[in-house]
C-alpha atoms as a PDB file:
ATOM      1  CA  MET A   1       0.000   0.000   0.000  1.00  0.00           C
ATOM      2  CA  GLU A   2       2.768   2.454   0.945  1.00  0.00           C
ATOM      3  CA  GLU A   3       4.417   1.828  -2.409  1.00  0.00           C
ATOM      4  CA  VAL A   4       1.269   2.159  -4.517  1.00  0.00           C
ATOM      5  CA  LEU A   5      -0.538   5.056  -2.846  1.00  0.00           C
ATOM      6  CA  PRO A   6       1.958   7.790  -3.824  1.00  0.00           C
ATOM      7  CA  SER A   7       1.715   6.742  -7.478  1.00  0.00           C
ATOM      8  CA  LEU A   8      -2.047   7.374  -7.541  1.00  0.00           C
ATOM      9  CA  SER A   9      -3.686  10.710  -8.231  1.00  0.00           C
ATOM     10  CA  GLU A  10      -5.228  12.606  -5.320  1.00  0.00           C
ATOM     11  CA  SER A  11      -8.745  11.659  -6.402  1.00  0.00           C
ATOM     12  CA  GLU A  12      -7.772   7.977  -6.695  1.00  0.00           C
ATOM     13  CA  GLN A  13      -6.153   8.122  -3.255  1.00  0.00           C
ATOM     14  CA  TYR A  14      -9.284   9.724  -1.814  1.00  0.00           C
ATOM     15  CA  LYS A  15     -11.529   7.046  -3.331  1.00  0.00           C
ATOM     16  CA  LEU A  16      -9.290   4.261  -2.039  1.00  0.00           C
ATOM     17  CA  VAL A  17      -9.073   5.668   1.492  1.00  0.00           C
ATOM     18  CA  PHE A  18     -12.817   6.375   1.523  1.00  0.00           C
ATOM     19  CA  LYS A  19     -13.522   2.745   0.547  1.00  0.00           C
ATOM     20  CA  ALA A  20     -11.113   1.543   3.248  1.00  0.00           C
ATOM     21  CA  GLY A  21     -13.051   3.632   5.783  1.00  0.00           C
ATOM     22  CA  GLU A  22     -16.328   2.051   4.692  1.00  0.00           C
ATOM     23  CA  ILE A  23     -14.847  -1.422   5.099  1.00  0.00           C
ATOM     24  CA  LEU A  24     -13.469  -0.527   8.521  1.00  0.00           C
ATOM     25  CA  ARG A  25     -16.851   0.812   9.630  1.00  0.00           C
ATOM     26  CA  THR A  26     -18.472  -2.457   8.533  1.00  0.00           C
ATOM     27  CA  MET A  27     -15.880  -4.480  10.436  1.00  0.00           C
ATOM     28  CA  HIS A  28     -16.581  -2.521  13.616  1.00  0.00           C
ATOM     29  CA  GLN A  29     -20.301  -3.269  13.318  1.00  0.00           C
ATOM     30  CA  VAL A  30     -19.756  -7.042  13.388  1.00  0.00           C
ATOM     31  CA  PHE A  31     -20.059  -8.644  16.808  1.00  0.00           C
ATOM     32  CA  PRO A  32     -18.779 -12.108  17.749  1.00  0.00           C
ATOM     33  CA  ASP A  33     -21.284 -14.934  18.124  1.00  0.00           C
ATOM     34  CA  ILE A  34     -19.674 -16.115  21.343  1.00  0.00           C
ATOM     35  CA  GLU A  35     -19.826 -14.624  24.804  1.00  0.00           C
ATOM     36  CA  LEU A  36     -16.536 -12.915  25.566  1.00  0.00           C
ATOM     37  CA  ALA A  37     -14.970 -12.896  29.011  1.00  0.00           C
ATOM     38  CA  PRO A  38     -14.901  -9.525  30.746  1.00  0.00           C
ATOM     39  CA  TRP A  39     -11.972  -7.348  29.703  1.00  0.00           C
ATOM     40  CA  GLU A  40     -10.401  -7.485  33.168  1.00  0.00           C
ATOM     41  CA  GLU A  41     -10.225 -11.288  33.136  1.00  0.00           C
ATOM     42  CA  GLY A  42      -8.416 -11.397  29.828  1.00  0.00           C
ATOM     43  CA  PHE A  43      -6.054  -8.615  30.831  1.00  0.00           C
ATOM     44  CA  ASN A  44      -5.198 -10.243  34.155  1.00  0.00           C
ATOM     45  CA  ARG A  45      -4.736 -13.642  32.491  1.00  0.00           C
ATOM     46  CA  LYS A  46      -2.284 -12.103  30.038  1.00  0.00           C
ATOM     47  CA  LEU A  47      -0.396 -10.358  32.842  1.00  0.00           C
ATOM     48  CA  ASP A  48      -0.194 -13.592  34.840  1.00  0.00           C
ATOM     49  CA  MET A  49       1.200 -15.457  31.817  1.00  0.00           C
ATOM     50  CA  ASN A  50       3.832 -12.764  31.265  1.00  0.00           C
ATOM     51  CA  ILE A  51       4.835 -12.816  34.931  1.00  0.00           C
ATOM     52  CA  GLU A  52       5.260 -16.593  34.809  1.00  0.00           C
ATOM     53  CA  ARG A  53       7.396 -16.354  31.661  1.00  0.00           C
ATOM     54  CA  TYR A  54       9.701 -13.823  33.284  1.00  0.00           C
ATOM     55  CA  LYS A  55      10.113 -15.950  36.431  1.00  0.00           C
ATOM     56  CA  CYS A  56      11.784 -18.740  34.437  1.00  0.00           C
END
């Protein structure tokens, strides 16, 4: 993308970035079908794993 974008005209760049924004908006509207654990649980689990790795 970084290599191609500068070679495009401003209007082509605008169209491409606008389309990317539409896709991103769509992605953010999709919700998982499964029940996710609360944020704190996942965060603490990750911290605990990192602490254990550093103890070794």
